[in-house]
């Protein structure tokens, strides 16, 4: 399983221009997606929230929000669910690593193949 320090280092490298504001916006988006997800996608959405929650630790001002996020959307679950979330985090990191992202001036967006 990917530990928080490793995930934080990966996020710094993959998204160097991310800032506290962009990550707060990203967290709002991920929470909305989780709330709207059907049961079959809830673990994947929790993994996205976990990644953003960890990313908030990049900034001193984001540590409390990161901690609150992880407490609510990760630590409140039992061991079985936490293990599923961490497995989904590893899977999501692999997916993210296979994508190309660009800074749009506010946040990172991914380049999508034209159809």
N, C-alpha and C. Protein backbone atom coordinates (compact mmCIF):
# COMPACT_ATOMS: atom_id res chain seq x y z
N UNK A 1 0.83 -1.19 0.00
CA UNK A 1 0.00 0.00 0.00
C UNK A 1 0.88 1.25 0.00
N UNK A 2 0.41 2.23 -0.67
CA UNK A 2 1.12 3.50 -0.76
C UNK A 2 0.94 4.26 0.56
N UNK A 3 2.06 4.66 1.19
CA UNK A 3 1.90 5.42 2.43
C UNK A 3 1.73 6.91 2.12
N UNK A 4 1.35 7.67 3.14
CA UNK A 4 1.01 9.08 2.92
C UNK A 4 2.21 9.89 2.43
N UNK A 5 3.40 9.63 2.96
CA UNK A 5 4.58 10.39 2.55
C UNK A 5 4.89 10.11 1.08
N UNK A 6 4.83 8.86 0.69
CA UNK A 6 5.07 8.49 -0.70
C UNK A 6 4.02 9.13 -1.61
N UNK A 7 2.77 9.11 -1.19
CA UNK A 7 1.70 9.71 -1.98
C UNK A 7 1.88 11.22 -2.09
N UNK A 8 2.27 11.85 -1.01
CA UNK A 8 2.51 13.29 -1.00
C UNK A 8 3.67 13.65 -1.93
N UNK A 9 4.75 12.89 -1.89
CA UNK A 9 5.88 13.13 -2.79
C UNK A 9 5.47 12.95 -4.25
N UNK A 10 4.68 11.92 -4.51
CA UNK A 10 4.20 11.67 -5.87
C UNK A 10 3.35 12.86 -6.35
N UNK A 11 2.47 13.37 -5.48
CA UNK A 11 1.60 14.48 -5.86
C UNK A 11 2.42 15.72 -6.18
N UNK A 12 3.44 16.01 -5.38
CA UNK A 12 4.31 17.17 -5.65
C UNK A 12 4.96 17.05 -7.02
N UNK A 13 5.41 15.84 -7.35
CA UNK A 13 6.09 15.62 -8.63
C UNK A 13 5.11 15.66 -9.81
N UNK A 14 3.98 15.02 -9.65
CA UNK A 14 3.00 14.91 -10.75
C UNK A 14 2.28 16.24 -10.99
N UNK A 15 2.01 16.99 -9.92
CA UNK A 15 1.23 18.23 -10.02
C UNK A 15 1.97 19.39 -9.34
N UNK A 16 3.11 19.78 -9.91
CA UNK A 16 3.95 20.79 -9.23
C UNK A 16 3.30 22.16 -9.09
N UNK A 17 2.38 22.52 -9.95
CA UNK A 17 1.76 23.84 -9.90
C UNK A 17 0.51 23.88 -9.03
N UNK A 18 0.09 22.74 -8.52
CA UNK A 18 -1.09 22.71 -7.65
C UNK A 18 -0.84 23.64 -6.47
N UNK A 19 -1.92 24.25 -6.00
CA UNK A 19 -1.82 25.13 -4.84
C UNK A 19 -3.00 24.83 -3.92
N UNK A 20 -2.98 25.43 -2.76
CA UNK A 20 -4.03 25.16 -1.78
C UNK A 20 -5.41 25.45 -2.35
N UNK A 21 -5.54 26.55 -3.05
CA UNK A 21 -6.83 26.92 -3.63
C UNK A 21 -7.31 25.87 -4.65
N UNK A 22 -6.40 25.43 -5.51
CA UNK A 22 -6.79 24.44 -6.53
C UNK A 22 -7.19 23.13 -5.87
N UNK A 23 -6.51 22.76 -4.79
CA UNK A 23 -6.82 21.51 -4.14
C UNK A 23 -8.13 21.59 -3.36
N UNK A 24 -8.45 22.75 -2.81
CA UNK A 24 -9.75 22.91 -2.16
C UNK A 24 -10.87 22.76 -3.18
N UNK A 25 -10.70 23.37 -4.35
CA UNK A 25 -11.70 23.22 -5.42
C UNK A 25 -11.82 21.76 -5.84
N UNK A 26 -10.67 21.12 -5.96
CA UNK A 26 -10.65 19.72 -6.38
C UNK A 26 -11.35 18.84 -5.33
N UNK A 27 -11.13 19.15 -4.06
CA UNK A 27 -11.80 18.40 -2.99
C UNK A 27 -13.31 18.55 -3.09
N UNK A 28 -13.78 19.75 -3.32
CA UNK A 28 -15.22 19.97 -3.47
C UNK A 28 -15.79 19.13 -4.60
N UNK A 29 -15.07 19.08 -5.73
CA UNK A 29 -15.52 18.28 -6.87
C UNK A 29 -15.58 16.80 -6.52
N UNK A 30 -14.52 16.32 -5.85
CA UNK A 30 -14.48 14.89 -5.52
C UNK A 30 -15.55 14.51 -4.51
N UNK A 31 -15.83 15.36 -3.54
CA UNK A 31 -16.88 15.07 -2.57
C UNK A 31 -18.23 15.03 -3.28
N UNK A 32 -18.46 15.97 -4.20
CA UNK A 32 -19.72 15.96 -4.96
C UNK A 32 -19.86 14.67 -5.77
N UNK A 33 -18.76 14.25 -6.42
CA UNK A 33 -18.80 13.01 -7.19
C UNK A 33 -19.09 11.81 -6.28
N UNK A 34 -18.51 11.80 -5.09
CA UNK A 34 -18.78 10.72 -4.15
C UNK A 34 -20.25 10.71 -3.75
N UNK A 35 -20.78 11.87 -3.43
CA UNK A 35 -22.17 11.97 -3.00
C UNK A 35 -23.14 11.54 -4.10
N UNK A 36 -22.76 11.73 -5.35
CA UNK A 36 -23.63 11.39 -6.48
C UNK A 36 -23.36 9.99 -7.04
N UNK A 37 -22.30 9.34 -6.56
CA UNK A 37 -21.91 8.04 -7.11
C UNK A 37 -22.86 6.94 -6.67
N UNK A 38 -23.04 5.97 -7.56
CA UNK A 38 -23.79 4.79 -7.14
C UNK A 38 -22.84 3.91 -6.32
N UNK A 39 -23.40 2.95 -5.65
CA UNK A 39 -22.63 2.13 -4.71
C UNK A 39 -21.42 1.46 -5.37
N UNK A 40 -21.54 1.10 -6.62
CA UNK A 40 -20.45 0.39 -7.29
C UNK A 40 -19.23 1.27 -7.54
N UNK A 41 -19.37 2.58 -7.40
CA UNK A 41 -18.24 3.49 -7.63
C UNK A 41 -17.80 4.23 -6.37
N UNK A 42 -18.41 3.91 -5.23
CA UNK A 42 -18.12 4.66 -4.02
C UNK A 42 -16.66 4.51 -3.56
N UNK A 43 -16.10 3.33 -3.68
CA UNK A 43 -14.70 3.12 -3.25
C UNK A 43 -13.76 3.97 -4.11
N UNK A 44 -14.00 3.99 -5.42
CA UNK A 44 -13.15 4.78 -6.30
C UNK A 44 -13.23 6.27 -5.97
N UNK A 45 -14.40 6.73 -5.64
CA UNK A 45 -14.56 8.15 -5.29
C UNK A 45 -13.91 8.44 -3.94
N UNK A 46 -14.00 7.51 -3.00
CA UNK A 46 -13.31 7.69 -1.73
C UNK A 46 -11.80 7.72 -1.93
N UNK A 47 -11.31 6.94 -2.89
CA UNK A 47 -9.87 6.98 -3.20
C UNK A 47 -9.47 8.35 -3.72
N UNK A 48 -10.29 8.93 -4.57
CA UNK A 48 -10.01 10.28 -5.09
C UNK A 48 -9.98 11.30 -3.94
N UNK A 49 -10.92 11.18 -3.03
CA UNK A 49 -10.96 12.09 -1.88
C UNK A 49 -9.72 11.88 -1.02
N UNK A 50 -9.31 10.64 -0.83
CA UNK A 50 -8.12 10.35 -0.04
C UNK A 50 -6.89 11.02 -0.67
N UNK A 51 -6.73 10.90 -1.97
CA UNK A 51 -5.58 11.49 -2.65
C UNK A 51 -5.57 13.00 -2.46
N UNK A 52 -6.71 13.64 -2.63
CA UNK A 52 -6.77 15.09 -2.44
C UNK A 52 -6.54 15.44 -0.96
N UNK A 53 -7.12 14.66 -0.06
CA UNK A 53 -6.91 14.90 1.36
C UNK A 53 -5.44 14.88 1.74
N UNK A 54 -4.72 13.90 1.22
CA UNK A 54 -3.28 13.83 1.47
C UNK A 54 -2.57 15.02 0.82
N UNK A 55 -2.99 15.39 -0.39
CA UNK A 55 -2.32 16.49 -1.09
C UNK A 55 -2.38 17.79 -0.32
N UNK A 56 -3.41 17.96 0.49
CA UNK A 56 -3.57 19.20 1.26
C UNK A 56 -2.44 19.40 2.28
N UNK A 57 -1.77 18.33 2.63
CA UNK A 57 -0.64 18.43 3.57
C UNK A 57 0.58 19.10 2.94
N UNK A 58 0.53 19.39 1.66
CA UNK A 58 1.64 20.11 1.02
C UNK A 58 1.79 21.52 1.57
N UNK A 59 0.73 22.08 2.11
CA UNK A 59 0.74 23.46 2.59
C UNK A 59 0.36 23.48 4.06
N UNK A 60 1.09 24.25 4.84
CA UNK A 60 0.80 24.34 6.27
C UNK A 60 -0.66 24.69 6.51
N UNK A 61 -1.20 25.61 5.70
CA UNK A 61 -2.57 26.06 5.87
C UNK A 61 -3.59 25.00 5.47
N UNK A 62 -3.14 23.95 4.80
CA UNK A 62 -4.05 22.90 4.36
C UNK A 62 -4.06 21.67 5.25
N UNK A 63 -3.15 21.64 6.21
CA UNK A 63 -3.03 20.43 7.03
C UNK A 63 -4.30 20.11 7.81
N UNK A 64 -4.95 21.11 8.38
CA UNK A 64 -6.16 20.82 9.16
C UNK A 64 -7.28 20.29 8.27
N UNK A 65 -7.47 20.91 7.12
CA UNK A 65 -8.49 20.42 6.19
C UNK A 65 -8.15 19.01 5.71
N UNK A 66 -6.87 18.76 5.44
CA UNK A 66 -6.46 17.42 5.04
C UNK A 66 -6.76 16.40 6.13
N UNK A 67 -6.44 16.75 7.37
CA UNK A 67 -6.71 15.87 8.49
C UNK A 67 -8.21 15.62 8.67
N UNK A 68 -8.99 16.68 8.60
CA UNK A 68 -10.45 16.54 8.73
C UNK A 68 -11.01 15.67 7.61
N UNK A 69 -10.50 15.87 6.40
CA UNK A 69 -10.97 15.09 5.24
C UNK A 69 -10.67 13.61 5.44
N UNK A 70 -9.42 13.31 5.81
CA UNK A 70 -9.06 11.91 6.00
C UNK A 70 -9.79 11.28 7.17
N UNK A 71 -10.02 12.05 8.23
CA UNK A 71 -10.77 11.51 9.36
C UNK A 71 -12.18 11.14 8.95
N UNK A 72 -12.84 12.01 8.20
CA UNK A 72 -14.23 11.79 7.84
C UNK A 72 -14.39 10.74 6.73
N UNK A 73 -13.53 10.82 5.70
CA UNK A 73 -13.71 9.97 4.52
C UNK A 73 -12.79 8.75 4.47
N UNK A 74 -12.00 8.53 5.53
CA UNK A 74 -11.12 7.36 5.54
C UNK A 74 -11.08 6.71 6.93
N UNK A 75 -10.64 7.42 7.93
CA UNK A 75 -10.42 6.84 9.26
C UNK A 75 -11.71 6.40 9.93
N UNK A 76 -12.84 6.96 9.56
CA UNK A 76 -14.11 6.56 10.15
C UNK A 76 -14.59 5.18 9.67
N UNK A 77 -13.94 4.64 8.64
CA UNK A 77 -14.32 3.33 8.12
C UNK A 77 -13.57 2.23 8.86
N UNK A 78 -14.11 1.02 8.78
CA UNK A 78 -13.43 -0.11 9.40
C UNK A 78 -12.23 -0.55 8.56
N UNK A 79 -11.43 -1.48 9.09
CA UNK A 79 -10.20 -1.92 8.41
C UNK A 79 -10.47 -2.45 7.01
N UNK A 80 -11.54 -3.20 6.86
CA UNK A 80 -11.86 -3.77 5.54
C UNK A 80 -12.07 -2.67 4.50
N UNK A 81 -12.85 -1.66 4.84
CA UNK A 81 -13.11 -0.56 3.91
C UNK A 81 -11.86 0.27 3.67
N UNK A 82 -11.08 0.52 4.73
CA UNK A 82 -9.85 1.29 4.56
C UNK A 82 -8.89 0.57 3.62
N UNK A 83 -8.80 -0.74 3.75
CA UNK A 83 -7.93 -1.50 2.83
C UNK A 83 -8.43 -1.42 1.40
N UNK A 84 -9.75 -1.46 1.22
CA UNK A 84 -10.31 -1.32 -0.12
C UNK A 84 -10.01 0.06 -0.69
N UNK A 85 -10.13 1.08 0.14
CA UNK A 85 -9.84 2.45 -0.31
C UNK A 85 -8.37 2.56 -0.71
N UNK A 86 -7.47 2.03 0.12
CA UNK A 86 -6.04 2.12 -0.19
C UNK A 86 -5.69 1.36 -1.47
N UNK A 87 -6.34 0.23 -1.70
CA UNK A 87 -6.13 -0.50 -2.96
C UNK A 87 -6.61 0.35 -4.13
N UNK A 88 -7.76 1.00 -3.96
CA UNK A 88 -8.29 1.87 -5.01
C UNK A 88 -7.38 3.08 -5.22
N UNK A 89 -6.73 3.57 -4.16
CA UNK A 89 -5.77 4.67 -4.30
C UNK A 89 -4.62 4.22 -5.19
N UNK A 90 -4.07 3.05 -4.93
CA UNK A 90 -2.98 2.53 -5.77
C UNK A 90 -3.43 2.41 -7.23
N UNK A 91 -4.64 1.88 -7.43
CA UNK A 91 -5.16 1.75 -8.79
C UNK A 91 -5.32 3.11 -9.45
N UNK A 92 -5.82 4.09 -8.70
CA UNK A 92 -6.04 5.43 -9.24
C UNK A 92 -4.72 6.12 -9.58
N UNK A 93 -3.71 5.94 -8.75
CA UNK A 93 -2.39 6.52 -9.05
C UNK A 93 -1.88 5.95 -10.37
N UNK A 94 -2.06 4.68 -10.59
CA UNK A 94 -1.65 4.07 -11.87
C UNK A 94 -2.40 4.68 -13.04
N UNK A 95 -3.68 4.91 -12.86
CA UNK A 95 -4.49 5.54 -13.93
C UNK A 95 -3.99 6.97 -14.18
N UNK A 96 -3.79 7.72 -13.11
CA UNK A 96 -3.33 9.11 -13.24
C UNK A 96 -1.98 9.15 -13.94
N UNK A 97 -1.10 8.22 -13.59
CA UNK A 97 0.23 8.19 -14.21
C UNK A 97 0.16 7.89 -15.70
N UNK A 98 -0.92 7.27 -16.15
CA UNK A 98 -1.06 6.95 -17.57
C UNK A 98 -1.68 8.10 -18.37
N UNK A 99 -2.11 9.15 -17.68
CA UNK A 99 -2.77 10.28 -18.33
C UNK A 99 -1.81 11.46 -18.47
N UNK A 100 -2.16 12.36 -19.37
CA UNK A 100 -1.43 13.61 -19.54
C UNK A 100 -2.28 14.74 -18.99
N UNK A 101 -1.68 15.54 -18.11
CA UNK A 101 -2.38 16.64 -17.47
C UNK A 101 -1.74 17.96 -17.85
N UNK A 102 -2.52 19.03 -17.78
CA UNK A 102 -1.99 20.37 -18.02
C UNK A 102 -2.60 21.32 -17.01
N UNK A 103 -1.87 22.38 -16.70
CA UNK A 103 -2.33 23.40 -15.78
C UNK A 103 -3.19 24.37 -16.56
N UNK A 104 -4.44 24.57 -16.16
CA UNK A 104 -5.36 25.43 -16.90
C UNK A 104 -5.43 26.84 -16.31
N UNK A 105 -4.55 27.12 -15.35
CA UNK A 105 -4.53 28.42 -14.71
C UNK A 105 -5.21 28.43 -13.36
N UNK A 106 -6.04 27.42 -13.12
CA UNK A 106 -6.75 27.29 -11.85
C UNK A 106 -6.47 25.94 -11.20
N UNK A 107 -6.42 24.91 -12.02
CA UNK A 107 -6.24 23.54 -11.54
C UNK A 107 -5.69 22.72 -12.69
N UNK A 108 -5.35 21.48 -12.40
CA UNK A 108 -4.92 20.58 -13.46
C UNK A 108 -6.15 19.98 -14.13
N UNK A 109 -6.04 19.80 -15.42
CA UNK A 109 -7.07 19.14 -16.20
C UNK A 109 -6.35 18.11 -17.05
N UNK A 110 -7.08 17.10 -17.47
CA UNK A 110 -6.40 16.10 -18.29
C UNK A 110 -6.74 16.29 -19.76
N UNK A 111 -5.75 15.97 -20.55
CA UNK A 111 -5.97 16.00 -21.99
C UNK A 111 -6.78 14.77 -22.34
N UNK A 112 -7.83 15.00 -23.08
CA UNK A 112 -8.72 13.91 -23.48
C UNK A 112 -8.59 13.67 -24.98
N UNK A 113 -8.65 12.41 -25.33
CA UNK A 113 -8.54 12.05 -26.74
C UNK A 113 -9.76 12.58 -27.47
N UNK A 114 -9.50 13.13 -28.64
CA UNK A 114 -10.63 13.63 -29.45
C UNK A 114 -11.28 12.45 -30.15
N UNK A 115 -12.60 12.48 -30.21
CA UNK A 115 -13.32 11.37 -30.84
C UNK A 115 -13.76 11.72 -32.24
